[in-house]
Amino acid sequence: MKKLFLLLFAAIATMNFAQNLTVTSGNLDFLKDQTEINVKFIDGEPLFQAENYTEAQYLERRKTETLAKKGEVAWEKWISAWKQHSESIFSDKFVEGLNKSKKIKFSKNVDTKYTLMVEPQWMYAGWSGFIMHPENYLQI
């Protein structure tokens, strides 16, 4: 149980430190007077791992490995934590990472002039947690 919580903590910490968005075209000048921006997550179908598994493929592989090595109880704990994180914690930590910029506050579910739409494309779920791919960019 302690290992699971340590893994989840590492995942969250890694996600916070790994975020880096670069504007590759256009500019953000239209945001200069904004103090807060709404963030909405679009339910997409991100790929996982270097092999580009779908989420279903990744979870099936993870289940097979966990059942073989640690058993049913370990799998139930892991999948329960996965569901909780994928439903809210990943997005909350992403927004928290965005808020390292002190100029604009990013929040979920607020009424603002602009909304940042986030659709995850790829995730690496490894021993060090969840990180953003180095080639992430924000295109305006």
N, C-alpha and C. Protein backbone atom coordinates (compact mmCIF):
# COMPACT_ATOMS: atom_id res chain seq x y z
N MET A 1 0.83 -1.19 0.00
CA MET A 1 0.00 0.00 0.00
C MET A 1 0.87 1.25 0.00
N LYS A 2 1.93 1.22 0.84
CA LYS A 2 2.81 2.38 0.90
C LYS A 2 3.51 2.60 -0.44
N LYS A 3 3.87 1.50 -1.12
CA LYS A 3 4.52 1.62 -2.42
C LYS A 3 3.60 2.26 -3.44
N LEU A 4 2.31 1.91 -3.38
CA LEU A 4 1.34 2.48 -4.31
C LEU A 4 1.23 3.98 -4.09
N PHE A 5 1.12 4.41 -2.84
CA PHE A 5 1.03 5.84 -2.56
C PHE A 5 2.31 6.57 -2.95
N LEU A 6 3.46 5.93 -2.75
CA LEU A 6 4.72 6.53 -3.15
C LEU A 6 4.77 6.69 -4.67
N LEU A 7 4.30 5.67 -5.39
CA LEU A 7 4.26 5.74 -6.84
C LEU A 7 3.33 6.86 -7.30
N LEU A 8 2.16 6.97 -6.69
CA LEU A 8 1.22 8.02 -7.07
C LEU A 8 1.79 9.41 -6.76
N PHE A 9 2.46 9.53 -5.61
CA PHE A 9 3.08 10.81 -5.27
C PHE A 9 4.16 11.17 -6.29
N ALA A 10 4.96 10.18 -6.67
CA ALA A 10 6.00 10.42 -7.67
C ALA A 10 5.38 10.82 -9.00
N ALA A 11 4.26 10.20 -9.34
CA ALA A 11 3.58 10.54 -10.60
C ALA A 11 3.13 11.99 -10.59
N ILE A 12 2.54 12.40 -9.51
CA ILE A 12 2.04 13.78 -9.41
C ILE A 12 3.20 14.77 -9.41
N ALA A 13 4.24 14.49 -8.65
CA ALA A 13 5.38 15.38 -8.59
C ALA A 13 6.06 15.51 -9.95
N THR A 14 6.20 14.40 -10.64
CA THR A 14 6.84 14.42 -11.96
C THR A 14 6.02 15.23 -12.93
N MET A 15 4.71 15.07 -12.88
CA MET A 15 3.85 15.81 -13.79
C MET A 15 3.99 17.31 -13.56
N ASN A 16 4.11 17.72 -12.31
CA ASN A 16 4.27 19.14 -12.01
C ASN A 16 5.55 19.71 -12.58
N PHE A 17 6.65 18.97 -12.48
CA PHE A 17 7.93 19.48 -12.91
C PHE A 17 8.15 19.37 -14.40
N ALA A 18 7.42 18.51 -15.08
CA ALA A 18 7.71 18.21 -16.48
C ALA A 18 6.93 19.06 -17.47
N GLN A 19 6.04 19.91 -17.02
CA GLN A 19 5.22 20.66 -17.96
C GLN A 19 6.00 21.79 -18.58
N ASN A 20 5.91 21.87 -19.90
CA ASN A 20 6.58 22.92 -20.63
C ASN A 20 5.82 23.14 -21.93
N LEU A 21 5.19 24.28 -22.05
CA LEU A 21 4.44 24.61 -23.26
C LEU A 21 5.19 25.70 -24.00
N THR A 22 5.31 25.52 -25.31
CA THR A 22 6.00 26.48 -26.15
C THR A 22 5.05 26.91 -27.26
N VAL A 23 4.92 28.19 -27.47
CA VAL A 23 4.10 28.71 -28.56
C VAL A 23 4.92 28.58 -29.84
N THR A 24 4.41 27.81 -30.81
CA THR A 24 5.15 27.58 -32.04
C THR A 24 4.69 28.49 -33.18
N SER A 25 3.52 29.05 -33.06
CA SER A 25 3.07 30.02 -34.06
C SER A 25 2.05 30.93 -33.41
N GLY A 26 1.93 32.12 -33.94
CA GLY A 26 1.01 33.10 -33.35
C GLY A 26 1.62 33.68 -32.09
N ASN A 27 0.78 34.33 -31.30
CA ASN A 27 1.26 34.89 -30.04
C ASN A 27 0.12 34.96 -29.05
N LEU A 28 0.45 35.30 -27.85
CA LEU A 28 -0.55 35.36 -26.78
C LEU A 28 -0.85 36.79 -26.36
N ASP A 29 -0.60 37.74 -27.23
CA ASP A 29 -0.82 39.15 -26.90
C ASP A 29 -2.26 39.46 -26.51
N PHE A 30 -3.21 38.73 -27.08
CA PHE A 30 -4.61 38.99 -26.77
C PHE A 30 -4.95 38.64 -25.32
N LEU A 31 -4.04 37.98 -24.63
CA LEU A 31 -4.27 37.61 -23.23
C LEU A 31 -3.67 38.61 -22.25
N LYS A 32 -3.02 39.65 -22.75
CA LYS A 32 -2.25 40.54 -21.87
C LYS A 32 -3.09 41.19 -20.76
N ASP A 33 -4.37 41.42 -20.98
CA ASP A 33 -5.21 42.04 -19.96
C ASP A 33 -5.99 41.03 -19.13
N GLN A 34 -5.81 39.76 -19.40
CA GLN A 34 -6.55 38.73 -18.69
C GLN A 34 -5.85 38.36 -17.38
N THR A 35 -6.64 38.14 -16.34
CA THR A 35 -6.07 37.71 -15.07
C THR A 35 -6.38 36.24 -14.79
N GLU A 36 -7.39 35.69 -15.48
CA GLU A 36 -7.76 34.29 -15.25
C GLU A 36 -8.28 33.68 -16.55
N ILE A 37 -7.95 32.42 -16.75
CA ILE A 37 -8.39 31.68 -17.93
C ILE A 37 -8.97 30.34 -17.48
N ASN A 38 -10.10 30.00 -18.06
CA ASN A 38 -10.73 28.71 -17.78
C ASN A 38 -9.96 27.61 -18.52
N VAL A 39 -9.86 26.43 -17.92
CA VAL A 39 -9.22 25.29 -18.56
C VAL A 39 -10.24 24.17 -18.65
N LYS A 40 -10.41 23.65 -19.86
CA LYS A 40 -11.33 22.54 -20.08
C LYS A 40 -10.57 21.39 -20.71
N PHE A 41 -10.78 20.20 -20.19
CA PHE A 41 -10.13 19.02 -20.72
C PHE A 41 -11.10 18.28 -21.63
N ILE A 42 -10.62 17.99 -22.81
CA ILE A 42 -11.43 17.28 -23.80
C ILE A 42 -11.13 15.80 -23.67
N ASP A 43 -12.18 15.00 -23.57
CA ASP A 43 -11.99 13.56 -23.50
C ASP A 43 -11.52 13.07 -24.85
N GLY A 44 -10.27 12.75 -24.93
CA GLY A 44 -9.70 12.23 -26.17
C GLY A 44 -9.29 10.79 -25.97
N GLU A 45 -8.44 10.36 -26.81
CA GLU A 45 -7.92 9.00 -26.72
C GLU A 45 -6.40 9.05 -26.79
N PRO A 46 -5.76 9.50 -25.69
CA PRO A 46 -4.30 9.58 -25.73
C PRO A 46 -3.68 8.20 -25.87
N LEU A 47 -2.50 8.18 -26.42
CA LEU A 47 -1.74 6.95 -26.53
C LEU A 47 -0.80 6.86 -25.35
N PHE A 48 -0.39 5.64 -25.01
CA PHE A 48 0.44 5.41 -23.83
C PHE A 48 1.71 4.66 -24.20
N GLN A 49 2.78 5.02 -23.50
CA GLN A 49 4.07 4.37 -23.61
C GLN A 49 4.68 4.60 -24.99
N ALA A 50 5.90 4.19 -25.15
CA ALA A 50 6.61 4.34 -26.42
C ALA A 50 5.94 3.51 -27.51
N GLU A 51 5.23 2.46 -27.12
CA GLU A 51 4.57 1.57 -28.08
C GLU A 51 3.26 2.15 -28.61
N ASN A 52 2.83 3.30 -28.09
CA ASN A 52 1.58 3.94 -28.49
C ASN A 52 0.36 3.04 -28.30
N TYR A 53 0.25 2.46 -27.12
CA TYR A 53 -0.92 1.67 -26.78
C TYR A 53 -2.13 2.57 -26.62
N THR A 54 -3.31 2.05 -26.93
CA THR A 54 -4.53 2.75 -26.52
C THR A 54 -4.64 2.56 -25.01
N GLU A 55 -5.53 3.30 -24.37
CA GLU A 55 -5.69 3.13 -22.93
C GLU A 55 -6.12 1.70 -22.59
N ALA A 56 -7.03 1.15 -23.38
CA ALA A 56 -7.50 -0.22 -23.13
C ALA A 56 -6.35 -1.22 -23.27
N GLN A 57 -5.52 -1.05 -24.27
CA GLN A 57 -4.37 -1.94 -24.45
C GLN A 57 -3.39 -1.81 -23.30
N TYR A 58 -3.12 -0.57 -22.88
CA TYR A 58 -2.19 -0.34 -21.78
C TYR A 58 -2.72 -0.97 -20.49
N LEU A 59 -4.00 -0.75 -20.20
CA LEU A 59 -4.57 -1.30 -18.97
C LEU A 59 -4.59 -2.83 -18.99
N GLU A 60 -4.88 -3.43 -20.13
CA GLU A 60 -4.86 -4.89 -20.23
C GLU A 60 -3.46 -5.43 -19.99
N ARG A 61 -2.47 -4.78 -20.59
CA ARG A 61 -1.08 -5.20 -20.38
C ARG A 61 -0.69 -5.04 -18.91
N ARG A 62 -1.05 -3.91 -18.33
CA ARG A 62 -0.74 -3.66 -16.91
C ARG A 62 -1.42 -4.68 -16.01
N LYS A 63 -2.68 -5.00 -16.33
CA LYS A 63 -3.42 -5.98 -15.54
C LYS A 63 -2.74 -7.34 -15.59
N THR A 64 -2.38 -7.77 -16.78
CA THR A 64 -1.73 -9.07 -16.94
C THR A 64 -0.43 -9.13 -16.13
N GLU A 65 0.38 -8.08 -16.23
CA GLU A 65 1.64 -8.03 -15.49
C GLU A 65 1.42 -8.01 -13.97
N THR A 66 0.47 -7.20 -13.52
CA THR A 66 0.22 -7.07 -12.09
C THR A 66 -0.35 -8.36 -11.50
N LEU A 67 -1.30 -8.97 -12.19
CA LEU A 67 -1.85 -10.24 -11.71
C LEU A 67 -0.78 -11.31 -11.62
N ALA A 68 0.11 -11.37 -12.60
CA ALA A 68 1.16 -12.39 -12.61
C ALA A 68 2.17 -12.17 -11.49
N LYS A 69 2.49 -10.91 -11.20
CA LYS A 69 3.53 -10.63 -10.22
C LYS A 69 3.01 -10.43 -8.80
N LYS A 70 1.82 -9.80 -8.66
CA LYS A 70 1.38 -9.38 -7.33
C LYS A 70 -0.01 -9.86 -6.94
N GLY A 71 -0.80 -10.31 -7.88
CA GLY A 71 -2.11 -10.85 -7.55
C GLY A 71 -3.27 -9.87 -7.71
N GLU A 72 -4.46 -10.41 -7.47
CA GLU A 72 -5.72 -9.69 -7.67
C GLU A 72 -5.86 -8.46 -6.77
N VAL A 73 -5.47 -8.58 -5.50
CA VAL A 73 -5.62 -7.46 -4.57
C VAL A 73 -4.79 -6.26 -5.04
N ALA A 74 -3.56 -6.52 -5.48
CA ALA A 74 -2.70 -5.44 -5.97
C ALA A 74 -3.31 -4.79 -7.21
N TRP A 75 -3.88 -5.62 -8.09
CA TRP A 75 -4.50 -5.07 -9.29
C TRP A 75 -5.69 -4.19 -8.94
N GLU A 76 -6.54 -4.63 -8.05
CA GLU A 76 -7.71 -3.83 -7.65
C GLU A 76 -7.29 -2.49 -7.06
N LYS A 77 -6.24 -2.48 -6.26
CA LYS A 77 -5.74 -1.21 -5.70
C LYS A 77 -5.22 -0.31 -6.81
N TRP A 78 -4.46 -0.90 -7.73
CA TRP A 78 -3.86 -0.11 -8.79
C TRP A 78 -4.93 0.49 -9.70
N ILE A 79 -5.90 -0.31 -10.12
CA ILE A 79 -6.92 0.19 -11.06
C ILE A 79 -7.82 1.22 -10.38
N SER A 80 -8.05 1.06 -9.09
CA SER A 80 -8.84 2.05 -8.35
C SER A 80 -8.11 3.39 -8.33
N ALA A 81 -6.81 3.36 -8.07
CA ALA A 81 -6.02 4.59 -8.06
C ALA A 81 -5.97 5.19 -9.46
N TRP A 82 -5.84 4.35 -10.48
CA TRP A 82 -5.80 4.83 -11.87
C TRP A 82 -7.08 5.59 -12.21
N LYS A 83 -8.22 5.02 -11.85
CA LYS A 83 -9.51 5.67 -12.15
C LYS A 83 -9.60 7.03 -11.46
N GLN A 84 -9.22 7.07 -10.20
CA GLN A 84 -9.28 8.33 -9.45
C GLN A 84 -8.39 9.38 -10.09
N HIS A 85 -7.19 8.99 -10.45
CA HIS A 85 -6.26 9.94 -11.05
C HIS A 85 -6.71 10.38 -12.43
N SER A 86 -7.18 9.46 -13.24
CA SER A 86 -7.57 9.84 -14.59
C SER A 86 -8.83 10.69 -14.60
N GLU A 87 -9.69 10.58 -13.59
CA GLU A 87 -10.92 11.37 -13.54
C GLU A 87 -10.69 12.79 -13.05
N SER A 88 -9.72 13.00 -12.17
CA SER A 88 -9.56 14.36 -11.65
C SER A 88 -8.13 14.76 -11.33
N ILE A 89 -7.35 13.90 -10.77
CA ILE A 89 -6.04 14.32 -10.25
C ILE A 89 -5.10 14.74 -11.37
N PHE A 90 -5.06 14.02 -12.49
CA PHE A 90 -4.17 14.41 -13.58
C PHE A 90 -4.49 15.82 -14.06
N SER A 91 -5.76 16.12 -14.27
CA SER A 91 -6.13 17.45 -14.76
C SER A 91 -5.88 18.52 -13.70
N ASP A 92 -6.14 18.21 -12.44
CA ASP A 92 -5.87 19.17 -11.38
C ASP A 92 -4.39 19.51 -11.31
N LYS A 93 -3.55 18.51 -11.42
CA LYS A 93 -2.10 18.74 -11.37
C LYS A 93 -1.60 19.47 -12.61
N PHE A 94 -2.22 19.22 -13.75
CA PHE A 94 -1.86 19.96 -14.97
C PHE A 94 -2.14 21.44 -14.76
N VAL A 95 -3.32 21.77 -14.26
CA VAL A 95 -3.69 23.17 -14.01
C VAL A 95 -2.75 23.77 -12.96
N GLU A 96 -2.43 23.01 -11.95
CA GLU A 96 -1.50 23.49 -10.93
C GLU A 96 -0.14 23.84 -11.55
N GLY A 97 0.30 23.00 -12.48
CA GLY A 97 1.56 23.28 -13.18
C GLY A 97 1.48 24.53 -14.03
N LEU A 98 0.34 24.75 -14.68
CA LEU A 98 0.16 25.97 -15.47
C LEU A 98 0.25 27.21 -14.59
N ASN A 99 -0.19 27.10 -13.37
CA ASN A 99 -0.24 28.25 -12.47
C ASN A 99 1.12 28.64 -11.91
N LYS A 100 2.18 28.00 -12.38
CA LYS A 100 3.51 28.45 -11.97
C LYS A 100 3.81 29.80 -12.59
N SER A 101 3.09 30.14 -13.66
CA SER A 101 3.17 31.48 -14.23
C SER A 101 2.34 32.38 -13.32
N LYS A 102 2.91 33.46 -12.87
CA LYS A 102 2.20 34.34 -11.93
C LYS A 102 1.36 35.40 -12.64
N LYS A 103 1.44 35.49 -13.98
CA LYS A 103 0.74 36.54 -14.69
C LYS A 103 -0.74 36.24 -14.88
N ILE A 104 -1.06 34.98 -15.16
CA ILE A 104 -2.44 34.59 -15.41
C ILE A 104 -2.76 33.37 -14.55
N LYS A 105 -3.93 33.38 -13.92
CA LYS A 105 -4.35 32.24 -13.14
C LYS A 105 -5.20 31.33 -14.03
N PHE A 106 -4.88 30.04 -14.04
CA PHE A 106 -5.65 29.04 -14.77
C PHE A 106 -6.50 28.27 -13.78
N SER A 107 -7.79 28.09 -14.12
CA SER A 107 -8.72 27.40 -13.24
C SER A 107 -9.68 26.55 -14.07
N LYS A 108 -10.19 25.51 -13.46
CA LYS A 108 -11.21 24.70 -14.12
C LYS A 108 -12.58 25.20 -13.70
N ASN A 109 -13.51 25.15 -14.64
CA ASN A 109 -14.92 25.44 -14.37
C ASN A 109 -15.16 26.85 -13.83
N VAL A 110 -14.55 27.85 -14.46
CA VAL A 110 -14.81 29.24 -14.10
C VAL A 110 -15.31 29.98 -15.33
N ASP A 111 -16.03 31.06 -15.10
CA ASP A 111 -16.59 31.85 -16.20
C ASP A 111 -15.58 32.93 -16.56
N THR A 112 -14.90 32.75 -17.70
CA THR A 112 -13.90 33.71 -18.16
C THR A 112 -14.10 33.99 -19.64
N LYS A 113 -13.42 35.00 -20.13
CA LYS A 113 -13.52 35.36 -21.53
C LYS A 113 -12.90 34.29 -22.44
N TYR A 114 -11.81 33.66 -21.97
CA TYR A 114 -11.10 32.67 -22.77
C TYR A 114 -11.05 31.33 -22.04
N THR A 115 -11.05 30.26 -22.85
CA THR A 115 -10.93 28.90 -22.31
C THR A 115 -9.81 28.19 -23.06
N LEU A 116 -8.90 27.61 -22.30
CA LEU A 116 -7.83 26.79 -22.86
C LEU A 116 -8.37 25.36 -22.94
N MET A 117 -8.42 24.82 -24.15
CA MET A 117 -8.92 23.46 -24.37
C MET A 117 -7.71 22.53 -24.41
N VAL A 118 -7.71 21.52 -23.55
CA VAL A 118 -6.58 20.59 -23.47
C VAL A 118 -7.06 19.20 -23.86
N GLU A 119 -6.41 18.63 -24.87
CA GLU A 119 -6.71 17.26 -25.30
C GLU A 119 -5.40 16.48 -25.29
N PRO A 120 -5.17 15.68 -24.24
CA PRO A 120 -3.93 14.91 -24.16
C PRO A 120 -3.78 13.98 -25.37
N GLN A 121 -2.57 13.94 -25.92
CA GLN A 121 -2.29 13.12 -27.09
C GLN A 121 -1.48 11.88 -26.75
N TRP A 122 -0.58 11.99 -25.77
CA TRP A 122 0.32 10.90 -25.44
C TRP A 122 0.73 11.00 -23.98
N MET A 123 0.82 9.85 -23.32
CA MET A 123 1.26 9.82 -21.92
C MET A 123 2.23 8.67 -21.74
N TYR A 124 3.19 8.90 -20.87
CA TYR A 124 4.10 7.82 -20.50
C TYR A 124 3.85 7.52 -19.03
N ALA A 125 3.35 6.35 -18.75
CA ALA A 125 3.08 5.94 -17.37
C ALA A 125 4.20 5.02 -16.96
N GLY A 126 5.21 5.57 -16.28
CA GLY A 126 6.37 4.77 -15.92
C GLY A 126 6.62 4.81 -14.43
N TRP A 127 7.75 4.28 -14.05
CA TRP A 127 8.08 4.22 -12.64
C TRP A 127 8.20 5.61 -12.04
N SER A 128 8.51 6.60 -12.89
CA SER A 128 8.67 7.95 -12.35
C SER A 128 7.38 8.75 -12.46
N GLY A 129 6.31 8.15 -12.93
CA GLY A 129 5.04 8.86 -12.95
C GLY A 129 4.62 9.24 -14.34
N PHE A 130 3.82 10.28 -14.44
CA PHE A 130 3.27 10.75 -15.69
C PHE A 130 3.96 12.05 -16.06
N ILE A 131 4.51 12.08 -17.27
CA ILE A 131 5.23 13.26 -17.72
C ILE A 131 4.70 13.68 -19.08
N MET A 132 4.95 14.91 -19.44
CA MET A 132 4.55 15.38 -20.76
C MET A 132 5.66 15.07 -21.74
N HIS A 133 5.30 14.75 -22.96
CA HIS A 133 6.27 14.46 -24.01
C HIS A 133 7.07 15.71 -24.31
N PRO A 134 8.39 15.59 -24.54
CA PRO A 134 9.22 16.77 -24.77
C PRO A 134 8.79 17.65 -25.93
N GLU A 135 8.09 17.11 -26.91
CA GLU A 135 7.70 17.92 -28.06
C GLU A 135 6.33 18.58 -27.91
N ASN A 136 5.83 18.71 -26.67
CA ASN A 136 4.55 19.37 -26.48
C ASN A 136 4.64 20.82 -26.89
N TYR A 137 3.58 21.32 -27.45
CA TYR A 137 3.56 22.70 -27.87
C TYR A 137 2.15 23.23 -27.81
N LEU A 138 2.06 24.55 -27.78
CA LEU A 138 0.77 25.23 -27.80
C LEU A 138 0.73 26.03 -29.08
N GLN A 139 -0.21 25.71 -29.94
CA GLN A 139 -0.29 26.42 -31.21
C GLN A 139 -1.53 27.32 -31.18
N ILE A 140 -1.32 28.59 -31.48
CA ILE A 140 -2.41 29.57 -31.46
C ILE A 140 -2.83 29.86 -32.88
